[in-house]
């Protein structure tokens, strides 16, 4: 786990006390140098999301990770669930799509 991924994990753990948290560095799927930490996917299951619309959940996460998003993190795919939603989804989140930017081709 790289330093940015660790910071993201620590901040989300501290702020949201999630029941489930997955922070994946998906930079390798994009046109970036090897070892980059620029594209992340997060899956967060937290009671803090109960009663909040999706946009409010994302705003909360953006606020927690403001420094990282203002720095080296270029993209953040978020999947935010309440515990009930997570159970209804069979404890899973969608896969990320393939990158078609940069020198990637269809």
N, C-alpha and C. Protein backbone atom coordinates (compact mmCIF):
# COMPACT_ATOMS: atom_id res chain seq x y z
N UNK A 1 0.85 -1.18 0.00
CA UNK A 1 0.00 0.00 0.00
C UNK A 1 0.90 1.24 0.00
N UNK A 2 0.62 2.13 -0.94
CA UNK A 2 1.41 3.35 -1.03
C UNK A 2 1.00 4.38 0.01
N UNK A 3 1.78 5.44 0.15
CA UNK A 3 1.50 6.44 1.18
C UNK A 3 0.17 7.18 0.99
N UNK A 4 -0.20 7.50 -0.23
CA UNK A 4 -1.47 8.22 -0.46
C UNK A 4 -2.64 7.29 -0.14
N UNK A 5 -2.54 6.05 -0.58
CA UNK A 5 -3.60 5.07 -0.28
C UNK A 5 -3.75 4.90 1.23
N UNK A 6 -2.65 4.87 1.95
CA UNK A 6 -2.69 4.73 3.41
C UNK A 6 -3.34 5.96 4.05
N UNK A 7 -3.01 7.15 3.57
CA UNK A 7 -3.61 8.37 4.10
C UNK A 7 -5.12 8.37 3.87
N UNK A 8 -5.54 8.00 2.67
CA UNK A 8 -6.98 7.94 2.37
C UNK A 8 -7.67 6.96 3.30
N UNK A 9 -7.09 5.79 3.46
CA UNK A 9 -7.66 4.76 4.33
C UNK A 9 -7.78 5.26 5.77
N UNK A 10 -6.72 5.85 6.28
CA UNK A 10 -6.70 6.34 7.66
C UNK A 10 -7.73 7.44 7.87
N UNK A 11 -7.81 8.38 6.95
CA UNK A 11 -8.76 9.49 7.10
C UNK A 11 -10.20 8.99 7.07
N UNK A 12 -10.52 8.09 6.15
CA UNK A 12 -11.89 7.58 6.06
C UNK A 12 -12.24 6.73 7.29
N UNK A 13 -11.28 5.92 7.76
CA UNK A 13 -11.52 5.12 8.97
C UNK A 13 -11.83 6.03 10.15
N UNK A 14 -11.04 7.06 10.31
CA UNK A 14 -11.18 7.97 11.43
C UNK A 14 -12.48 8.76 11.38
N UNK A 15 -12.82 9.27 10.23
CA UNK A 15 -13.97 10.17 10.10
C UNK A 15 -15.31 9.43 10.02
N UNK A 16 -15.32 8.23 9.43
CA UNK A 16 -16.59 7.55 9.17
C UNK A 16 -16.81 6.28 9.99
N UNK A 17 -15.80 5.81 10.70
CA UNK A 17 -15.86 4.52 11.40
C UNK A 17 -16.71 3.50 10.61
N UNK A 18 -16.24 3.18 9.41
CA UNK A 18 -17.05 2.32 8.53
C UNK A 18 -17.13 0.88 9.00
N UNK A 19 -18.22 0.24 8.63
CA UNK A 19 -18.36 -1.20 8.86
C UNK A 19 -17.56 -1.97 7.83
N UNK A 20 -17.37 -1.35 6.66
CA UNK A 20 -16.56 -1.93 5.60
C UNK A 20 -15.89 -0.78 4.86
N UNK A 21 -14.61 -0.93 4.55
CA UNK A 21 -13.88 0.07 3.79
C UNK A 21 -12.89 -0.63 2.88
N UNK A 22 -12.94 -0.26 1.62
CA UNK A 22 -11.98 -0.76 0.65
C UNK A 22 -11.46 0.45 -0.13
N UNK A 23 -10.16 0.60 -0.17
CA UNK A 23 -9.52 1.68 -0.92
C UNK A 23 -8.57 1.00 -1.91
N UNK A 24 -8.93 1.11 -3.18
CA UNK A 24 -8.15 0.45 -4.23
C UNK A 24 -7.43 1.49 -5.08
N UNK A 25 -6.15 1.30 -5.27
CA UNK A 25 -5.38 2.14 -6.18
C UNK A 25 -5.56 1.56 -7.58
N UNK A 26 -6.31 2.26 -8.42
CA UNK A 26 -6.57 1.80 -9.78
C UNK A 26 -5.74 2.56 -10.81
N UNK A 27 -4.69 3.19 -10.36
CA UNK A 27 -3.85 3.98 -11.25
C UNK A 27 -3.26 3.12 -12.38
N UNK A 28 -2.94 1.87 -12.09
CA UNK A 28 -2.37 0.97 -13.09
C UNK A 28 -3.28 0.80 -14.31
N UNK A 29 -4.58 1.09 -14.15
CA UNK A 29 -5.55 0.95 -15.24
C UNK A 29 -5.55 2.17 -16.16
N UNK A 30 -4.73 3.16 -15.87
CA UNK A 30 -4.75 4.43 -16.59
C UNK A 30 -3.37 4.74 -17.17
N UNK A 31 -3.33 5.76 -17.98
CA UNK A 31 -2.08 6.16 -18.64
C UNK A 31 -1.25 7.03 -17.71
N UNK A 32 -0.67 6.39 -16.71
CA UNK A 32 0.17 7.09 -15.73
C UNK A 32 1.43 6.26 -15.51
N UNK A 33 2.47 6.87 -14.98
CA UNK A 33 3.70 6.11 -14.71
C UNK A 33 3.46 4.98 -13.69
N UNK A 34 4.23 3.94 -13.81
CA UNK A 34 4.17 2.82 -12.87
C UNK A 34 4.41 3.32 -11.46
N UNK A 35 3.61 2.84 -10.53
CA UNK A 35 3.74 3.23 -9.13
C UNK A 35 2.95 4.47 -8.75
N UNK A 36 2.20 5.03 -9.70
CA UNK A 36 1.42 6.24 -9.42
C UNK A 36 0.30 5.96 -8.42
N UNK A 37 -0.10 7.01 -7.73
CA UNK A 37 -1.24 6.96 -6.83
C UNK A 37 -2.14 8.15 -7.20
N UNK A 38 -2.80 8.02 -8.33
CA UNK A 38 -3.60 9.12 -8.85
C UNK A 38 -5.07 8.79 -9.06
N UNK A 39 -5.41 7.52 -9.17
CA UNK A 39 -6.77 7.08 -9.43
C UNK A 39 -7.16 6.05 -8.37
N UNK A 40 -8.22 6.35 -7.64
CA UNK A 40 -8.66 5.45 -6.57
C UNK A 40 -10.14 5.12 -6.67
N UNK A 41 -10.46 3.95 -6.19
CA UNK A 41 -11.85 3.53 -6.02
C UNK A 41 -12.02 3.25 -4.54
N UNK A 42 -13.08 3.82 -3.96
CA UNK A 42 -13.36 3.54 -2.56
C UNK A 42 -14.77 2.97 -2.43
N UNK A 43 -14.89 2.01 -1.56
CA UNK A 43 -16.18 1.44 -1.18
C UNK A 43 -16.27 1.64 0.33
N UNK A 44 -17.30 2.38 0.76
CA UNK A 44 -17.45 2.72 2.17
C UNK A 44 -18.86 2.36 2.61
N UNK A 45 -18.95 1.61 3.69
CA UNK A 45 -20.23 1.27 4.31
C UNK A 45 -20.21 1.89 5.70
N UNK A 46 -21.11 2.85 5.93
CA UNK A 46 -21.11 3.56 7.21
C UNK A 46 -22.51 3.97 7.63
N UNK A 47 -22.75 3.89 8.92
CA UNK A 47 -24.01 4.38 9.48
C UNK A 47 -24.14 5.89 9.31
N UNK A 48 -23.03 6.58 9.10
CA UNK A 48 -23.06 8.02 8.89
C UNK A 48 -23.82 8.41 7.62
N UNK A 49 -24.04 7.46 6.71
CA UNK A 49 -24.73 7.75 5.46
C UNK A 49 -26.24 7.57 5.57
N UNK A 50 -26.72 7.04 6.67
CA UNK A 50 -28.17 6.82 6.84
C UNK A 50 -28.89 8.17 6.75
N UNK A 51 -29.91 8.22 5.90
CA UNK A 51 -30.71 9.42 5.74
C UNK A 51 -30.10 10.47 4.84
N UNK A 52 -28.94 10.17 4.25
CA UNK A 52 -28.28 11.14 3.37
C UNK A 52 -28.42 10.70 1.91
N UNK A 53 -28.69 11.68 1.06
CA UNK A 53 -28.71 11.41 -0.37
C UNK A 53 -27.28 11.16 -0.85
N UNK A 54 -27.18 10.56 -2.01
CA UNK A 54 -25.88 10.21 -2.57
C UNK A 54 -24.96 11.43 -2.68
N UNK A 55 -25.48 12.54 -3.14
CA UNK A 55 -24.65 13.73 -3.31
C UNK A 55 -24.08 14.21 -1.97
N UNK A 56 -24.84 14.12 -0.90
CA UNK A 56 -24.35 14.51 0.42
C UNK A 56 -23.27 13.55 0.92
N UNK A 57 -23.42 12.28 0.63
CA UNK A 57 -22.41 11.30 1.00
C UNK A 57 -21.09 11.62 0.30
N UNK A 58 -21.19 11.90 -0.99
CA UNK A 58 -19.99 12.21 -1.77
C UNK A 58 -19.35 13.51 -1.30
N UNK A 59 -20.17 14.50 -0.99
CA UNK A 59 -19.64 15.76 -0.47
C UNK A 59 -18.89 15.53 0.84
N UNK A 60 -19.41 14.66 1.69
CA UNK A 60 -18.75 14.33 2.95
C UNK A 60 -17.37 13.72 2.68
N UNK A 61 -17.32 12.76 1.77
CA UNK A 61 -16.04 12.12 1.45
C UNK A 61 -15.08 13.12 0.81
N UNK A 62 -15.59 13.95 -0.11
CA UNK A 62 -14.75 14.98 -0.72
C UNK A 62 -14.16 15.90 0.35
N UNK A 63 -14.95 16.25 1.33
CA UNK A 63 -14.46 17.11 2.41
C UNK A 63 -13.36 16.44 3.22
N UNK A 64 -13.53 15.17 3.50
CA UNK A 64 -12.54 14.41 4.27
C UNK A 64 -11.22 14.32 3.50
N UNK A 65 -11.31 14.18 2.19
CA UNK A 65 -10.13 13.97 1.35
C UNK A 65 -9.74 15.21 0.54
N UNK A 66 -10.13 16.38 1.00
CA UNK A 66 -9.90 17.63 0.26
C UNK A 66 -8.42 17.83 -0.08
N UNK A 67 -7.53 17.59 0.86
CA UNK A 67 -6.10 17.80 0.61
C UNK A 67 -5.58 16.87 -0.47
N UNK A 68 -5.98 15.63 -0.43
CA UNK A 68 -5.52 14.65 -1.41
C UNK A 68 -6.08 14.97 -2.80
N UNK A 69 -7.34 15.39 -2.85
CA UNK A 69 -7.96 15.72 -4.13
C UNK A 69 -7.37 17.01 -4.72
N UNK A 70 -6.87 17.87 -3.87
CA UNK A 70 -6.23 19.10 -4.35
C UNK A 70 -4.78 18.83 -4.77
N UNK A 71 -4.28 17.65 -4.44
CA UNK A 71 -2.90 17.31 -4.75
C UNK A 71 -2.80 16.26 -5.84
N UNK A 72 -2.24 15.12 -5.50
CA UNK A 72 -1.90 14.12 -6.51
C UNK A 72 -3.05 13.22 -6.95
N UNK A 73 -4.16 13.21 -6.23
CA UNK A 73 -5.27 12.34 -6.61
C UNK A 73 -6.06 13.00 -7.73
N UNK A 74 -6.07 12.34 -8.87
CA UNK A 74 -6.71 12.86 -10.07
C UNK A 74 -8.17 12.41 -10.19
N UNK A 75 -8.46 11.18 -9.75
CA UNK A 75 -9.80 10.63 -9.89
C UNK A 75 -10.16 9.78 -8.68
N UNK A 76 -11.42 9.88 -8.29
CA UNK A 76 -11.91 9.13 -7.14
C UNK A 76 -13.29 8.57 -7.47
N UNK A 77 -13.36 7.26 -7.61
CA UNK A 77 -14.64 6.58 -7.82
C UNK A 77 -15.16 6.20 -6.44
N UNK A 78 -16.37 6.64 -6.12
CA UNK A 78 -16.93 6.40 -4.79
C UNK A 78 -18.18 5.53 -4.86
N UNK A 79 -18.23 4.58 -3.96
CA UNK A 79 -19.42 3.76 -3.77
C UNK A 79 -19.71 3.82 -2.28
N UNK A 80 -20.74 4.56 -1.92
CA UNK A 80 -21.06 4.82 -0.51
C UNK A 80 -22.40 4.17 -0.16
N UNK A 81 -22.40 3.38 0.89
CA UNK A 81 -23.59 2.61 1.27
C UNK A 81 -23.86 2.72 2.77
N UNK A 82 -25.14 2.63 3.10
CA UNK A 82 -25.53 2.39 4.48
C UNK A 82 -25.38 0.88 4.70
N UNK A 83 -25.35 0.42 5.94
CA UNK A 83 -25.27 -1.03 6.17
C UNK A 83 -26.42 -1.81 5.50
N UNK A 84 -27.62 -1.26 5.53
CA UNK A 84 -28.76 -1.95 4.91
C UNK A 84 -28.59 -2.03 3.39
N UNK A 85 -28.17 -0.93 2.77
CA UNK A 85 -27.93 -0.92 1.32
C UNK A 85 -26.85 -1.93 0.94
N UNK A 86 -25.81 -1.98 1.74
CA UNK A 86 -24.71 -2.92 1.50
C UNK A 86 -25.21 -4.35 1.53
N UNK A 87 -26.03 -4.67 2.52
CA UNK A 87 -26.60 -6.02 2.61
C UNK A 87 -27.51 -6.29 1.42
N UNK A 88 -28.31 -5.29 1.02
CA UNK A 88 -29.20 -5.45 -0.13
C UNK A 88 -28.43 -5.65 -1.43
N UNK A 89 -27.20 -5.14 -1.49
CA UNK A 89 -26.33 -5.29 -2.67
C UNK A 89 -25.48 -6.54 -2.59
N UNK A 90 -25.79 -7.42 -1.66
CA UNK A 90 -25.01 -8.65 -1.45
C UNK A 90 -23.54 -8.37 -1.17
N UNK A 91 -23.30 -7.28 -0.42
CA UNK A 91 -21.95 -6.91 0.01
C UNK A 91 -20.99 -6.72 -1.17
N UNK A 92 -21.47 -6.03 -2.20
CA UNK A 92 -20.61 -5.81 -3.36
C UNK A 92 -20.85 -4.46 -4.00
N UNK A 93 -19.85 -4.00 -4.73
CA UNK A 93 -19.90 -2.74 -5.47
C UNK A 93 -19.56 -3.04 -6.92
N UNK A 94 -19.99 -2.18 -7.83
CA UNK A 94 -19.70 -2.42 -9.25
C UNK A 94 -18.20 -2.31 -9.57
N UNK A 95 -17.79 -3.02 -10.60
CA UNK A 95 -16.41 -2.92 -11.08
C UNK A 95 -16.21 -1.57 -11.75
N UNK A 96 -14.99 -1.10 -11.75
CA UNK A 96 -14.66 0.14 -12.45
C UNK A 96 -14.56 -0.13 -13.95
N UNK A 97 -14.98 0.85 -14.76
CA UNK A 97 -14.85 0.67 -16.21
C UNK A 97 -13.40 0.80 -16.65
N UNK A 98 -13.11 0.30 -17.82
CA UNK A 98 -11.77 0.44 -18.38
C UNK A 98 -11.52 1.89 -18.77
N UNK A 99 -10.29 2.31 -18.64
CA UNK A 99 -9.89 3.67 -19.00
C UNK A 99 -9.73 3.75 -20.51
N UNK A 100 -10.29 4.81 -21.10
CA UNK A 100 -10.13 5.04 -22.53
C UNK A 100 -9.40 6.34 -22.80
N UNK A 101 -8.86 6.95 -21.76
CA UNK A 101 -8.15 8.23 -21.92
C UNK A 101 -6.68 8.03 -22.22
N UNK A 102 -5.98 9.13 -22.43
CA UNK A 102 -4.55 9.08 -22.66
C UNK A 102 -4.21 8.25 -23.89
N UNK A 103 -3.30 7.32 -23.75
CA UNK A 103 -2.92 6.50 -24.90
C UNK A 103 -3.64 5.14 -24.91
N UNK A 104 -4.70 5.03 -24.09
CA UNK A 104 -5.49 3.79 -24.10
C UNK A 104 -6.39 3.82 -25.32
N UNK A 105 -6.68 2.68 -25.88
CA UNK A 105 -7.57 2.61 -27.05
C UNK A 105 -8.73 1.70 -26.75
N UNK A 106 -9.76 1.82 -27.55
CA UNK A 106 -11.00 1.07 -27.37
C UNK A 106 -10.77 -0.40 -27.66
